[in-house]
Amino acid sequence: MAPDGTTEDSGQRGRIGQQIFEQVQRMLSEEKLTASEAFRRISEETGRREGTVAANYCRIARMQGITRPRGGGAGRPRGRRAAGTGDVQTALARVSSALEELTAAVRRQETETARLRQENERLEEIRRLARRVAR
């Protein structure tokens, strides 16, 4: 394996990973961005998913000994779904949005239920009055 992380089979991937790594490092040192902010900006500039950018950066950083290898400890998802932090963030944003919509719908339903109960009480009162008059 070459120092830039490339192999004969993964030459393009390795170069892209190395480019991303260098861009992030530059943003961290020169622009004083956080890694997440750098990943987000590169994602916007390149059209790659934020999780893909982060994964490329972390892969090169691990190969260069800058970060520790990922652990597979308890509580950590395993397999393919564990890799894309951008995918997780997107999913969490969707879930959050759906919960907000659900909360708003439940509140509207509670308001409508209260209104219908009041109408039902008025209708029952009208029925009682009508029965008294009919006697």
C-alpha atoms as a PDB file:
ATOM      1  CA  MET A   1       0.000   0.000   0.000  1.00  0.00           C
ATOM      2  CA  ALA A   2       1.294   3.429  -0.896  1.00  0.00           C
ATOM      3  CA  PRO A   3       1.678   6.178   1.764  1.00  0.00           C
ATOM      4  CA  ASP A   4      -1.329   7.996   0.315  1.00  0.00           C
ATOM      5  CA  GLY A   5      -3.565   5.015   1.044  1.00  0.00           C
ATOM      6  CA  THR A   6      -3.827   3.749  -2.513  1.00  0.00           C
ATOM      7  CA  THR A   7      -3.481   0.231  -3.781  1.00  0.00           C
ATOM      8  CA  GLU A   8      -3.538  -0.943  -7.353  1.00  0.00           C
ATOM      9  CA  ASP A   9      -7.217  -1.854  -6.974  1.00  0.00           C
ATOM     10  CA  SER A  10      -8.309   1.271  -5.140  1.00  0.00           C
ATOM     11  CA  GLY A  11      -6.199   3.997  -6.746  1.00  0.00           C
ATOM     12  CA  GLN A  12      -8.974   6.501  -7.388  1.00  0.00           C
ATOM     13  CA  ARG A  13     -10.614   5.944  -4.009  1.00  0.00           C
ATOM     14  CA  GLY A  14      -7.275   6.397  -2.266  1.00  0.00           C
ATOM     15  CA  ARG A  15      -6.545   9.627  -4.110  1.00  0.00           C
ATOM     16  CA  ILE A  16      -9.969  11.030  -3.294  1.00  0.00           C
ATOM     17  CA  GLY A  17      -9.532  10.026   0.333  1.00  0.00           C
ATOM     18  CA  GLN A  18      -6.132  11.687   0.449  1.00  0.00           C
ATOM     19  CA  GLN A  19      -7.507  14.854  -1.169  1.00  0.00           C
ATOM     20  CA  ILE A  20     -10.358  14.984   1.340  1.00  0.00           C
ATOM     21  CA  PHE A  21      -7.933  14.397   4.198  1.00  0.00           C
ATOM     22  CA  GLU A  22      -5.702  17.259   3.034  1.00  0.00           C
ATOM     23  CA  GLN A  23      -8.688  19.615   2.566  1.00  0.00           C
ATOM     24  CA  VAL A  24     -10.005  18.858   6.053  1.00  0.00           C
ATOM     25  CA  GLN A  25      -6.572  19.279   7.630  1.00  0.00           C
ATOM     26  CA  ARG A  26      -6.182  22.641   5.848  1.00  0.00           C
ATOM     27  CA  MET A  27      -9.619  23.805   7.038  1.00  0.00           C
ATOM     28  CA  LEU A  28      -8.872  22.687  10.592  1.00  0.00           C
ATOM     29  CA  SER A  29      -5.575  24.573  10.772  1.00  0.00           C
ATOM     30  CA  GLU A  30      -6.168  27.640   8.582  1.00  0.00           C
ATOM     31  CA  GLU A  31      -9.874  28.319   9.045  1.00  0.00           C
ATOM     32  CA  LYS A  32     -10.152  26.898  12.572  1.00  0.00           C
ATOM     33  CA  LEU A  33     -13.261  24.905  11.608  1.00  0.00           C
ATOM     34  CA  THR A  34     -14.379  21.825  13.479  1.00  0.00           C
ATOM     35  CA  ALA A  35     -14.099  18.524  11.658  1.00  0.00           C
ATOM     36  CA  SER A  36     -17.894  18.362  11.307  1.00  0.00           C
ATOM     37  CA  GLU A  37     -17.981  21.819   9.748  1.00  0.00           C
ATOM     38  CA  ALA A  38     -15.185  20.853   7.353  1.00  0.00           C
ATOM     39  CA  PHE A  39     -16.987  17.633   6.369  1.00  0.00           C
ATOM     40  CA  ARG A  40     -20.197  19.590   5.789  1.00  0.00           C
ATOM     41  CA  ARG A  41     -18.479  22.213   3.633  1.00  0.00           C
ATOM     42  CA  ILE A  42     -16.636  19.631   1.511  1.00  0.00           C
ATOM     43  CA  SER A  43     -19.901  17.739   1.148  1.00  0.00           C
ATOM     44  CA  GLU A  44     -21.633  20.850  -0.156  1.00  0.00           C
ATOM     45  CA  GLU A  45     -18.763  21.693  -2.505  1.00  0.00           C
ATOM     46  CA  THR A  46     -18.358  18.207  -3.983  1.00  0.00           C
ATOM     47  CA  GLY A  47     -21.877  16.810  -3.817  1.00  0.00           C
ATOM     48  CA  ARG A  48     -20.644  13.830  -1.796  1.00  0.00           C
ATOM     49  CA  ARG A  49     -22.558  12.781   1.286  1.00  0.00           C
ATOM     50  CA  GLU A  50     -21.224  14.215   4.511  1.00  0.00           C
ATOM     51  CA  GLY A  51     -20.818  10.705   5.922  1.00  0.00           C
ATOM     52  CA  THR A  52     -18.782   9.670   2.888  1.00  0.00           C
ATOM     53  CA  VAL A  53     -16.484  12.651   3.348  1.00  0.00           C
ATOM     54  CA  ALA A  54     -16.055  11.828   7.036  1.00  0.00           C
ATOM     55  CA  ALA A  55     -15.398   8.155   6.296  1.00  0.00           C
ATOM     56  CA  ASN A  56     -12.712   9.037   3.731  1.00  0.00           C
ATOM     57  CA  TYR A  57     -11.047  11.415   6.149  1.00  0.00           C
ATOM     58  CA  CYS A  58     -11.112   8.914   9.018  1.00  0.00           C
ATOM     59  CA  ARG A  59      -9.779   6.095   6.847  1.00  0.00           C
ATOM     60  CA  ILE A  60      -6.721   8.120   5.826  1.00  0.00           C
ATOM     61  CA  ALA A  61      -6.254   9.467   9.368  1.00  0.00           C
ATOM     62  CA  ARG A  62      -6.258   5.890  10.740  1.00  0.00           C
ATOM     63  CA  MET A  63      -3.779   4.764   8.093  1.00  0.00           C
ATOM     64  CA  GLN A  64      -1.473   7.636   9.042  1.00  0.00           C
ATOM     65  CA  GLY A  65      -1.821   6.799  12.724  1.00  0.00           C
ATOM     66  CA  ILE A  66      -3.522  10.102  13.543  1.00  0.00           C
ATOM     67  CA  THR A  67      -6.601   8.430  15.017  1.00  0.00           C
ATOM     68  CA  ARG A  68      -7.204   5.103  16.661  1.00  0.00           C
ATOM     69  CA  PRO A  69      -8.813   2.294  14.704  1.00  0.00           C
ATOM     70  CA  ARG A  70     -12.533   2.002  15.174  1.00  0.00           C
ATOM     71  CA  GLY A  71     -13.544  -0.296  17.968  1.00  0.00           C
ATOM     72  CA  GLY A  72     -16.372  -2.754  17.673  1.00  0.00           C
ATOM     73  CA  GLY A  73     -17.265  -2.483  21.331  1.00  0.00           C
ATOM     74  CA  ALA A  74     -20.629  -2.918  22.968  1.00  0.00           C
ATOM     75  CA  GLY A  75     -23.273  -0.439  21.956  1.00  0.00           C
ATOM     76  CA  ARG A  76     -21.688   0.285  18.618  1.00  0.00           C
ATOM     77  CA  PRO A  77     -23.692  -0.720  15.548  1.00  0.00           C
ATOM     78  CA  ARG A  78     -21.906  -3.205  13.354  1.00  0.00           C
ATOM     79  CA  GLY A  79     -21.848  -3.635   9.639  1.00  0.00           C
ATOM     80  CA  ARG A  80     -22.630  -1.319   6.811  1.00  0.00           C
ATOM     81  CA  ARG A  81     -25.008   1.006   8.647  1.00  0.00           C
ATOM     82  CA  ALA A  82     -22.357   1.999  11.191  1.00  0.00           C
ATOM     83  CA  ALA A  83     -20.135   3.790   8.671  1.00  0.00           C
ATOM     84  CA  GLY A  84     -22.200   6.757   7.431  1.00  0.00           C
ATOM     85  CA  THR A  85     -22.557   9.423  10.101  1.00  0.00           C
ATOM     86  CA  GLY A  86     -24.171  11.703   7.523  1.00  0.00           C
ATOM     87  CA  ASP A  87     -26.810   9.059   6.920  1.00  0.00           C
ATOM     88  CA  VAL A  88     -27.466   8.830  10.652  1.00  0.00           C
ATOM     89  CA  GLN A  89     -27.748  12.604  10.947  1.00  0.00           C
ATOM     90  CA  THR A  90     -30.152  12.708   8.017  1.00  0.00           C
ATOM     91  CA  ALA A  91     -32.241   9.925   9.553  1.00  0.00           C
ATOM     92  CA  LEU A  92     -32.307  11.691  12.920  1.00  0.00           C
ATOM     93  CA  ALA A  93     -33.382  14.939  11.259  1.00  0.00           C
ATOM     94  CA  ARG A  94     -36.209  13.106   9.476  1.00  0.00           C
ATOM     95  CA  VAL A  95     -37.314  11.398  12.691  1.00  0.00           C
ATOM     96  CA  SER A  96     -37.215  14.708  14.549  1.00  0.00           C
ATOM     97  CA  SER A  97     -39.272  16.377  11.844  1.00  0.00           C
ATOM     98  CA  ALA A  98     -41.784  13.523  11.841  1.00  0.00           C
ATOM     99  CA  LEU A  99     -42.100  13.729  15.637  1.00  0.00           C
ATOM    100  CA  GLU A 100     -42.748  17.473  15.436  1.00  0.00           C
ATOM    101  CA  GLU A 101     -45.464  16.872  12.839  1.00  0.00           C
ATOM    102  CA  LEU A 102     -46.966  14.106  14.970  1.00  0.00           C
ATOM    103  CA  THR A 103     -46.930  16.327  18.064  1.00  0.00           C
ATOM    104  CA  ALA A 104     -48.698  19.110  16.156  1.00  0.00           C
ATOM    105  CA  ALA A 105     -51.305  16.640  14.854  1.00  0.00           C
ATOM    106  CA  VAL A 106     -51.956  15.282  18.361  1.00  0.00           C
ATOM    107  CA  ARG A 107     -52.377  18.832  19.699  1.00  0.00           C
ATOM    108  CA  ARG A 108     -54.857  19.647  16.913  1.00  0.00           C
ATOM    109  CA  GLN A 109     -56.719  16.433  17.689  1.00  0.00           C
ATOM    110  CA  GLU A 110     -56.855  17.278  21.417  1.00  0.00           C
ATOM    111  CA  THR A 111     -58.260  20.729  20.599  1.00  0.00           C
ATOM    112  CA  GLU A 112     -60.866  19.228  18.268  1.00  0.00           C
ATOM    113  CA  THR A 113     -61.818  16.577  20.841  1.00  0.00           C
ATOM    114  CA  ALA A 114     -62.321  19.258  23.507  1.00  0.00           C
ATOM    115  CA  ARG A 115     -64.491  21.286  21.123  1.00  0.00           C
ATOM    116  CA  LEU A 116     -66.597  18.233  20.252  1.00  0.00           C
ATOM    117  CA  ARG A 117     -67.073  17.392  23.946  1.00  0.00           C
ATOM    118  CA  GLN A 118     -68.370  20.920  24.574  1.00  0.00           C
ATOM    119  CA  GLU A 119     -70.755  20.620  21.623  1.00  0.00           C
ATOM    120  CA  ASN A 120     -71.914  17.240  22.895  1.00  0.00           C
ATOM    121  CA  GLU A 121     -72.613  18.718  26.350  1.00  0.00           C
ATOM    122  CA  ARG A 122     -74.641  21.560  24.750  1.00  0.00           C
ATOM    123  CA  LEU A 123     -76.567  19.072  22.615  1.00  0.00           C
ATOM    124  CA  GLU A 124     -77.347  16.940  25.664  1.00  0.00           C
ATOM    125  CA  GLU A 125     -78.606  20.024  27.477  1.00  0.00           C
ATOM    126  CA  ILE A 126     -80.855  20.854  24.504  1.00  0.00           C
ATOM    127  CA  ARG A 127     -82.228  17.268  24.550  1.00  0.00           C
ATOM    128  CA  ARG A 128     -83.012  17.520  28.287  1.00  0.00           C
ATOM    129  CA  LEU A 129     -84.815  20.816  27.737  1.00  0.00           C
ATOM    130  CA  ALA A 130     -86.712  19.360  24.777  1.00  0.00           C
ATOM    131  CA  ARG A 131     -87.845  16.380  26.905  1.00  0.00           C
ATOM    132  CA  ARG A 132     -89.109  18.701  29.658  1.00  0.00           C
ATOM    133  CA  VAL A 133     -91.075  20.755  27.143  1.00  0.00           C
ATOM    134  CA  ALA A 134     -92.526  17.599  25.568  1.00  0.00           C
ATOM    135  CA  ARG A 135     -93.984  16.362  28.879  1.00  0.00           C
END
